[in-house]
PDB file of all heavy atoms in Angstrom:
ATOM      1  N   GLY A   1       2.482  -2.697   3.279  1.00  0.00           N
ATOM      2  CA  GLY A   1       3.335  -3.363   2.316  1.00  0.00           C
ATOM      3  C   GLY A   1       2.717  -3.580   0.955  1.00  0.00           C
ATOM      4  O   GLY A   1       3.180  -4.458   0.187  1.00  0.00           O
ATOM      5  N   MET A   2       1.689  -2.838   0.607  1.00  0.00           N
ATOM      6  CA  MET A   2       1.038  -3.036  -0.685  1.00  0.00           C
ATOM      7  C   MET A   2       1.933  -2.607  -1.825  1.00  0.00           C
ATOM      8  O   MET A   2       2.623  -1.599  -1.713  1.00  0.00           O
ATOM      9  CB  MET A   2      -0.263  -2.239  -0.727  1.00  0.00           C
ATOM     10  CG  MET A   2      -1.363  -2.851   0.045  1.00  0.00           C
ATOM     11  SD  MET A   2      -2.886  -1.942  -0.246  1.00  0.00           S
ATOM     12  CE  MET A   2      -3.872  -2.671   1.021  1.00  0.00           C
ATOM     13  N   THR A   3       1.898  -3.354  -2.876  1.00  0.00           N
ATOM     14  CA  THR A   3       2.673  -3.022  -4.081  1.00  0.00           C
ATOM     15  C   THR A   3       1.864  -3.195  -5.352  1.00  0.00           C
ATOM     16  O   THR A   3       2.231  -2.666  -6.395  1.00  0.00           O
ATOM     17  CB  THR A   3       3.918  -3.919  -4.189  1.00  0.00           C
ATOM     18  OG1 THR A   3       3.509  -5.299  -4.261  1.00  0.00           O
ATOM     19  CG2 THR A   3       4.861  -3.715  -3.021  1.00  0.00           C
ATOM     20  N   ARG A   4       0.789  -3.936  -5.327  1.00  0.00           N
ATOM     21  CA  ARG A   4       0.023  -4.264  -6.540  1.00  0.00           C
ATOM     22  C   ARG A   4      -1.185  -3.365  -6.715  1.00  0.00           C
ATOM     23  O   ARG A   4      -1.917  -3.045  -5.775  1.00  0.00           O
ATOM     24  CB  ARG A   4      -0.444  -5.710  -6.489  1.00  0.00           C
ATOM     25  CG  ARG A   4       0.742  -6.666  -6.557  1.00  0.00           C
ATOM     26  CD  ARG A   4       0.262  -8.114  -6.633  1.00  0.00           C
ATOM     27  NE  ARG A   4       1.404  -8.948  -6.788  1.00  0.00           N
ATOM     28  CZ  ARG A   4       1.818  -9.453  -7.956  1.00  0.00           C
ATOM     29  NH1 ARG A   4       1.152  -9.137  -9.059  1.00  0.00           N
ATOM     30  NH2 ARG A   4       2.890 -10.220  -8.029  1.00  0.00           N
ATOM     31  N   PHE A   5      -1.382  -2.969  -7.954  1.00  0.00           N
ATOM     32  CA  PHE A   5      -2.491  -2.122  -8.331  1.00  0.00           C
ATOM     33  C   PHE A   5      -3.792  -2.674  -7.780  1.00  0.00           C
ATOM     34  O   PHE A   5      -4.604  -1.933  -7.174  1.00  0.00           O
ATOM     35  CB  PHE A   5      -2.582  -2.011  -9.856  1.00  0.00           C
ATOM     36  CG  PHE A   5      -3.570  -1.059 -10.381  1.00  0.00           C
ATOM     37  CD1 PHE A   5      -3.159   0.237 -10.742  1.00  0.00           C
ATOM     38  CD2 PHE A   5      -4.904  -1.409 -10.545  1.00  0.00           C
ATOM     39  CE1 PHE A   5      -4.096   1.141 -11.230  1.00  0.00           C
ATOM     40  CE2 PHE A   5      -5.840  -0.497 -11.025  1.00  0.00           C
ATOM     41  CZ  PHE A   5      -5.429   0.781 -11.349  1.00  0.00           C
ATOM     42  N   SER A   6      -4.036  -3.971  -7.985  1.00  0.00           N
ATOM     43  CA  SER A   6      -5.330  -4.573  -7.575  1.00  0.00           C
ATOM     44  C   SER A   6      -5.500  -4.504  -6.055  1.00  0.00           C
ATOM     45  O   SER A   6      -6.633  -4.349  -5.591  1.00  0.00           O
ATOM     46  CB  SER A   6      -5.387  -6.018  -8.053  1.00  0.00           C
ATOM     47  OG  SER A   6      -4.326  -6.807  -7.525  1.00  0.00           O
ATOM     48  N   ASP A   7      -4.411  -4.614  -5.285  1.00  0.00           N
ATOM     49  CA  ASP A   7      -4.554  -4.509  -3.816  1.00  0.00           C
ATOM     50  C   ASP A   7      -4.925  -3.110  -3.412  1.00  0.00           C
ATOM     51  O   ASP A   7      -5.792  -2.922  -2.537  1.00  0.00           O
ATOM     52  CB  ASP A   7      -3.261  -4.913  -3.162  1.00  0.00           C
ATOM     53  CG  ASP A   7      -2.933  -6.402  -3.310  1.00  0.00           C
ATOM     54  OD1 ASP A   7      -3.874  -7.176  -3.547  1.00  0.00           O
ATOM     55  OD2 ASP A   7      -1.746  -6.771  -3.222  1.00  0.00           O
ATOM     56  N   PHE A   8      -4.286  -2.096  -3.987  1.00  0.00           N
ATOM     57  CA  PHE A   8      -4.647  -0.702  -3.697  1.00  0.00           C
ATOM     58  C   PHE A   8      -6.125  -0.447  -4.036  1.00  0.00           C
ATOM     59  O   PHE A   8      -6.876   0.133  -3.286  1.00  0.00           O
ATOM     60  CB  PHE A   8      -3.765   0.292  -4.429  1.00  0.00           C
ATOM     61  CG  PHE A   8      -2.342   0.379  -3.985  1.00  0.00           C
ATOM     62  CD1 PHE A   8      -1.323  -0.057  -4.784  1.00  0.00           C
ATOM     63  CD2 PHE A   8      -2.032   0.867  -2.718  1.00  0.00           C
ATOM     64  CE1 PHE A   8      -0.011   0.049  -4.396  1.00  0.00           C
ATOM     65  CE2 PHE A   8      -0.713   0.982  -2.303  1.00  0.00           C
ATOM     66  CZ  PHE A   8       0.298   0.529  -3.136  1.00  0.00           C
ATOM     67  N   GLU A   9      -6.501  -0.902  -5.254  1.00  0.00           N
ATOM     68  CA  GLU A   9      -7.863  -0.681  -5.753  1.00  0.00           C
ATOM     69  C   GLU A   9      -8.868  -1.351  -4.833  1.00  0.00           C
ATOM     70  O   GLU A   9      -9.894  -0.714  -4.452  1.00  0.00           O
ATOM     71  CB  GLU A   9      -7.966  -1.234  -7.151  1.00  0.00           C
ATOM     72  CG  GLU A   9      -9.309  -1.021  -7.822  1.00  0.00           C
ATOM     73  CD  GLU A   9      -9.365  -1.613  -9.202  1.00  0.00           C
ATOM     74  OE1 GLU A   9      -8.629  -2.576  -9.538  1.00  0.00           O
ATOM     75  OE2 GLU A   9     -10.223  -1.133  -9.990  1.00  0.00           O
ATOM     76  N   ARG A  10      -8.646  -2.589  -4.479  1.00  0.00           N
ATOM     77  CA  ARG A  10      -9.589  -3.324  -3.607  1.00  0.00           C
ATOM     78  C   ARG A  10      -9.690  -2.722  -2.207  1.00  0.00           C
ATOM     79  O   ARG A  10     -10.754  -2.508  -1.681  1.00  0.00           O
ATOM     80  CB  ARG A  10      -9.152  -4.800  -3.544  1.00  0.00           C
ATOM     81  CG  ARG A  10     -10.117  -5.697  -2.796  1.00  0.00           C
ATOM     82  CD  ARG A  10      -9.753  -7.179  -2.860  1.00  0.00           C
ATOM     83  NE  ARG A  10      -8.343  -7.510  -2.799  1.00  0.00           N
ATOM     84  CZ  ARG A  10      -7.586  -7.820  -3.874  1.00  0.00           C
ATOM     85  NH1 ARG A  10      -8.090  -7.817  -5.073  1.00  0.00           N
ATOM     86  NH2 ARG A  10      -6.299  -8.110  -3.708  1.00  0.00           N
ATOM     87  N   ARG A  11      -8.541  -2.410  -1.592  1.00  0.00           N
ATOM     88  CA  ARG A  11      -8.544  -1.930  -0.220  1.00  0.00           C
ATOM     89  C   ARG A  11      -9.102  -0.518  -0.101  1.00  0.00           C
ATOM     90  O   ARG A  11      -9.830  -0.197   0.817  1.00  0.00           O
ATOM     91  CB  ARG A  11      -7.119  -1.957   0.314  1.00  0.00           C
ATOM     92  CG  ARG A  11      -6.940  -1.404   1.737  1.00  0.00           C
ATOM     93  CD  ARG A  11      -7.514  -2.283   2.835  1.00  0.00           C
ATOM     94  NE  ARG A  11      -6.835  -3.523   3.010  1.00  0.00           N
ATOM     95  CZ  ARG A  11      -5.797  -3.732   3.811  1.00  0.00           C
ATOM     96  NH1 ARG A  11      -5.282  -2.780   4.507  1.00  0.00           N
ATOM     97  NH2 ARG A  11      -5.270  -4.923   3.860  1.00  0.00           N
ATOM     98  N   LEU A  12      -8.749   0.345  -1.072  1.00  0.00           N
ATOM     99  CA  LEU A  12      -9.176   1.744  -0.976  1.00  0.00           C
ATOM    100  C   LEU A  12     -10.518   2.034  -1.670  1.00  0.00           C
ATOM    101  O   LEU A  12     -11.164   3.013  -1.334  1.00  0.00           O
ATOM    102  CB  LEU A  12      -8.079   2.649  -1.579  1.00  0.00           C
ATOM    103  CG  LEU A  12      -6.764   2.678  -0.805  1.00  0.00           C
ATOM    104  CD1 LEU A  12      -5.721   3.420  -1.594  1.00  0.00           C
ATOM    105  CD2 LEU A  12      -6.964   3.282   0.563  1.00  0.00           C
ATOM    106  N   GLY A  13     -10.881   1.213  -2.632  1.00  0.00           N
ATOM    107  CA  GLY A  13     -12.113   1.504  -3.374  1.00  0.00           C
ATOM    108  C   GLY A  13     -11.994   2.722  -4.295  1.00  0.00           C
ATOM    109  O   GLY A  13     -12.969   3.293  -4.677  1.00  0.00           O
ATOM    110  N   VAL A  14     -10.766   3.042  -4.665  1.00  0.00           N
ATOM    111  CA  VAL A  14     -10.522   4.169  -5.560  1.00  0.00           C
ATOM    112  C   VAL A  14     -10.717   3.724  -7.003  1.00  0.00           C
ATOM    113  O   VAL A  14     -10.433   2.577  -7.375  1.00  0.00           O
ATOM    114  CB  VAL A  14      -9.064   4.708  -5.332  1.00  0.00           C
ATOM    115  CG1 VAL A  14      -8.040   3.668  -5.557  1.00  0.00           C
ATOM    116  CG2 VAL A  14      -8.812   5.937  -6.173  1.00  0.00           C
ATOM    117  N   ALA A  15     -11.243   4.628  -7.823  1.00  0.00           N
ATOM    118  CA  ALA A  15     -11.486   4.326  -9.228  1.00  0.00           C
ATOM    119  C   ALA A  15     -10.172   3.997  -9.924  1.00  0.00           C
ATOM    120  O   ALA A  15      -9.135   4.636  -9.652  1.00  0.00           O
ATOM    121  CB  ALA A  15     -12.157   5.530  -9.923  1.00  0.00           C
ATOM    122  N   PRO A  16     -10.166   3.001 -10.804  1.00  0.00           N
ATOM    123  CA  PRO A  16      -8.927   2.552 -11.462  1.00  0.00           C
ATOM    124  C   PRO A  16      -8.209   3.683 -12.209  1.00  0.00           C
ATOM    125  O   PRO A  16      -6.982   3.753 -12.184  1.00  0.00           O
ATOM    126  CB  PRO A  16      -9.388   1.478 -12.436  1.00  0.00           C
ATOM    127  CG  PRO A  16     -10.705   1.057 -11.959  1.00  0.00           C
ATOM    128  CD  PRO A  16     -11.314   2.212 -11.204  1.00  0.00           C
ATOM    129  N   ASN A  17      -8.945   4.575 -12.846  1.00  0.00           N
ATOM    130  CA  ASN A  17      -8.273   5.666 -13.604  1.00  0.00           C
ATOM    131  C   ASN A  17      -7.578   6.647 -12.636  1.00  0.00           C
ATOM    132  O   ASN A  17      -6.459   7.133 -12.955  1.00  0.00           O
ATOM    133  CB  ASN A  17      -9.251   6.423 -14.515  1.00  0.00           C
ATOM    134  CG  ASN A  17     -10.379   7.073 -13.749  1.00  0.00           C
ATOM    135  OD1 ASN A  17     -10.935   6.532 -12.789  1.00  0.00           O
ATOM    136  ND2 ASN A  17     -10.761   8.263 -14.191  1.00  0.00           N
ATOM    137  N   ILE A  18      -8.176   6.921 -11.513  1.00  0.00           N
ATOM    138  CA  ILE A  18      -7.554   7.800 -10.528  1.00  0.00           C
ATOM    139  C   ILE A  18      -6.318   7.116  -9.920  1.00  0.00           C
ATOM    140  O   ILE A  18      -5.261   7.721  -9.778  1.00  0.00           O
ATOM    141  CB  ILE A  18      -8.567   8.175  -9.414  1.00  0.00           C
ATOM    142  CG1 ILE A  18      -9.755   8.908  -9.984  1.00  0.00           C
ATOM    143  CG2 ILE A  18      -7.878   8.943  -8.288  1.00  0.00           C
ATOM    144  CD1 ILE A  18      -9.419  10.245 -10.563  1.00  0.00           C
ATOM    145  N   LEU A  19      -6.466   5.833  -9.583  1.00  0.00           N
ATOM    146  CA  LEU A  19      -5.349   5.097  -8.986  1.00  0.00           C
ATOM    147  C   LEU A  19      -4.179   5.028  -9.957  1.00  0.00           C
ATOM    148  O   LEU A  19      -3.020   5.266  -9.558  1.00  0.00           O
ATOM    149  CB  LEU A  19      -5.786   3.697  -8.592  1.00  0.00           C
ATOM    150  CG  LEU A  19      -4.741   2.769  -8.009  1.00  0.00           C
ATOM    151  CD1 LEU A  19      -4.126   3.372  -6.748  1.00  0.00           C
ATOM    152  CD2 LEU A  19      -5.316   1.393  -7.743  1.00  0.00           C
ATOM    153  N   ALA A  20      -4.450   4.729 -11.206  1.00  0.00           N
ATOM    154  CA  ALA A  20      -3.387   4.688 -12.220  1.00  0.00           C
ATOM    155  C   ALA A  20      -2.683   6.035 -12.325  1.00  0.00           C
ATOM    156  O   ALA A  20      -1.436   6.095 -12.405  1.00  0.00           O
ATOM    157  CB  ALA A  20      -3.963   4.246 -13.571  1.00  0.00           C
ATOM    158  N   LYS A  21      -3.441   7.105 -12.318  1.00  0.00           N
ATOM    159  CA  LYS A  21      -2.851   8.448 -12.412  1.00  0.00           C
ATOM    160  C   LYS A  21      -1.972   8.752 -11.212  1.00  0.00           C
ATOM    161  O   LYS A  21      -0.847   9.262 -11.369  1.00  0.00           O
ATOM    162  CB  LYS A  21      -3.953   9.497 -12.512  1.00  0.00           C
ATOM    163  CG  LYS A  21      -3.446  10.902 -12.712  1.00  0.00           C
ATOM    164  CD  LYS A  21      -4.596  11.863 -12.903  1.00  0.00           C
ATOM    165  CE  LYS A  21      -4.024  13.275 -13.077  1.00  0.00           C
ATOM    166  NZ  LYS A  21      -5.051  14.262 -13.196  1.00  0.00           N
ATOM    167  N   ARG A  22      -2.424   8.409  -9.987  1.00  0.00           N
ATOM    168  CA  ARG A  22      -1.602   8.660  -8.789  1.00  0.00           C
ATOM    169  C   ARG A  22      -0.341   7.802  -8.816  1.00  0.00           C
ATOM    170  O   ARG A  22       0.743   8.325  -8.549  1.00  0.00           O
ATOM    171  CB  ARG A  22      -2.398   8.341  -7.524  1.00  0.00           C
ATOM    172  CG  ARG A  22      -3.657   9.177  -7.284  1.00  0.00           C
ATOM    173  CD  ARG A  22      -3.350  10.687  -7.153  1.00  0.00           C
ATOM    174  NE  ARG A  22      -4.589  11.372  -6.922  1.00  0.00           N
ATOM    175  CZ  ARG A  22      -5.377  11.869  -7.875  1.00  0.00           C
ATOM    176  NH1 ARG A  22      -5.039  11.750  -9.133  1.00  0.00           N
ATOM    177  NH2 ARG A  22      -6.498  12.475  -7.561  1.00  0.00           N
ATOM    178  N   LEU A  23      -0.457   6.524  -9.106  1.00  0.00           N
ATOM    179  CA  LEU A  23       0.717   5.642  -9.136  1.00  0.00           C
ATOM    180  C   LEU A  23       1.706   6.079 -10.191  1.00  0.00           C
ATOM    181  O   LEU A  23       2.925   6.110  -9.923  1.00  0.00           O
ATOM    182  CB  LEU A  23       0.291   4.194  -9.313  1.00  0.00           C
ATOM    183  CG  LEU A  23      -0.476   3.575  -8.174  1.00  0.00           C
ATOM    184  CD1 LEU A  23      -1.035   2.203  -8.532  1.00  0.00           C
ATOM    185  CD2 LEU A  23       0.413   3.438  -6.910  1.00  0.00           C
ATOM    186  N   ASP A  24       1.236   6.413 -11.381  1.00  0.00           N
ATOM    187  CA  ASP A  24       2.132   6.892 -12.411  1.00  0.00           C
ATOM    188  C   ASP A  24       2.818   8.163 -12.005  1.00  0.00           C
ATOM    189  O   ASP A  24       4.011   8.379 -12.283  1.00  0.00           O
ATOM    190  CB  ASP A  24       1.368   7.107 -13.745  1.00  0.00           C
ATOM    191  CG  ASP A  24       0.916   5.813 -14.397  1.00  0.00           C
ATOM    192  OD1 ASP A  24       1.426   4.747 -14.006  1.00  0.00           O
ATOM    193  OD2 ASP A  24       0.066   5.877 -15.284  1.00  0.00           O
ATOM    194  N   GLY A  25       2.093   9.060 -11.323  1.00  0.00           N
ATOM    195  CA  GLY A  25       2.685  10.296 -10.803  1.00  0.00           C
ATOM    196  C   GLY A  25       3.752  10.036  -9.772  1.00  0.00           C
ATOM    197  O   GLY A  25       4.802  10.668  -9.738  1.00  0.00           O
ATOM    198  N   PHE A  26       3.506   9.034  -8.886  1.00  0.00           N
ATOM    199  CA  PHE A  26       4.489   8.707  -7.863  1.00  0.00           C
ATOM    200  C   PHE A  26       5.759   8.158  -8.517  1.00  0.00           C
ATOM    201  O   PHE A  26       6.860   8.458  -8.047  1.00  0.00           O
ATOM    202  CB  PHE A  26       3.955   7.640  -6.896  1.00  0.00           C
ATOM    203  CG  PHE A  26       2.801   8.122  -6.025  1.00  0.00           C
ATOM    204  CD1 PHE A  26       1.929   7.201  -5.473  1.00  0.00           C
ATOM    205  CD2 PHE A  26       2.598   9.477  -5.783  1.00  0.00           C
ATOM    206  CE1 PHE A  26       0.875   7.652  -4.669  1.00  0.00           C
ATOM    207  CE2 PHE A  26       1.549   9.916  -4.964  1.00  0.00           C
ATOM    208  CZ  PHE A  26       0.681   8.981  -4.428  1.00  0.00           C
ATOM    209  N   VAL A  27       5.618   7.377  -9.566  1.00  0.00           N
ATOM    210  CA  VAL A  27       6.775   6.862 -10.289  1.00  0.00           C
ATOM    211  C   VAL A  27       7.526   8.022 -10.934  1.00  0.00           C
ATOM    212  O   VAL A  27       8.740   8.133 -10.815  1.00  0.00           O
ATOM    213  CB  VAL A  27       6.353   5.783 -11.345  1.00  0.00           C
ATOM    214  CG1 VAL A  27       7.534   5.430 -12.261  1.00  0.00           C
ATOM    215  CG2 VAL A  27       5.825   4.532 -10.649  1.00  0.00           C
ATOM    216  N   ALA A  28       6.790   8.901 -11.612  1.00  0.00           N
ATOM    217  CA  ALA A  28       7.428  10.059 -12.294  1.00  0.00           C
ATOM    218  C   ALA A  28       8.137  10.966 -11.292  1.00  0.00           C
ATOM    219  O   ALA A  28       9.205  11.544 -11.607  1.00  0.00           O
ATOM    220  CB  ALA A  28       6.391  10.855 -13.082  1.00  0.00           C
ATOM    221  N   ASP A  29       7.602  11.086 -10.080  1.00  0.00           N
ATOM    222  CA  ASP A  29       8.179  11.971  -9.070  1.00  0.00           C
ATOM    223  C   ASP A  29       9.201  11.282  -8.180  1.00  0.00           C
ATOM    224  O   ASP A  29       9.730  11.890  -7.239  1.00  0.00           O
ATOM    225  CB  ASP A  29       7.073  12.578  -8.219  1.00  0.00           C
ATOM    226  CG  ASP A  29       6.189  13.563  -8.970  1.00  0.00           C
ATOM    227  OD1 ASP A  29       6.702  14.173  -9.925  1.00  0.00           O
ATOM    228  OD2 ASP A  29       5.004  13.697  -8.639  1.00  0.00           O
ATOM    229  N   GLY A  30       9.478  10.006  -8.442  1.00  0.00           N
ATOM    230  CA  GLY A  30      10.523   9.315  -7.686  1.00  0.00           C
ATOM    231  C   GLY A  30      10.093   8.780  -6.319  1.00  0.00           C
ATOM    232  O   GLY A  30      10.953   8.422  -5.512  1.00  0.00           O
ATOM    233  N   LEU A  31       8.779   8.702  -6.076  1.00  0.00           N
ATOM    234  CA  LEU A  31       8.301   8.169  -4.793  1.00  0.00           C
ATOM    235  C   LEU A  31       8.164   6.644  -4.851  1.00  0.00           C
ATOM    236  O   LEU A  31       8.242   5.968  -3.829  1.00  0.00           O
ATOM    237  CB  LEU A  31       6.955   8.749  -4.424  1.00  0.00           C
ATOM    238  CG  LEU A  31       6.921  10.289  -4.227  1.00  0.00           C
ATOM    239  CD1 LEU A  31       5.494  10.765  -4.114  1.00  0.00           C
ATOM    240  CD2 LEU A  31       7.740  10.656  -3.008  1.00  0.00           C
TER     241      LEU A  31
END
């Protein structure tokens, strides 16, 4: 049920720039 950038970043340990790119891509692709 994660929705917040900070939760994804903390749980996954993914770099913020990569996470932002993936999330923005999901929004652009309608996911």
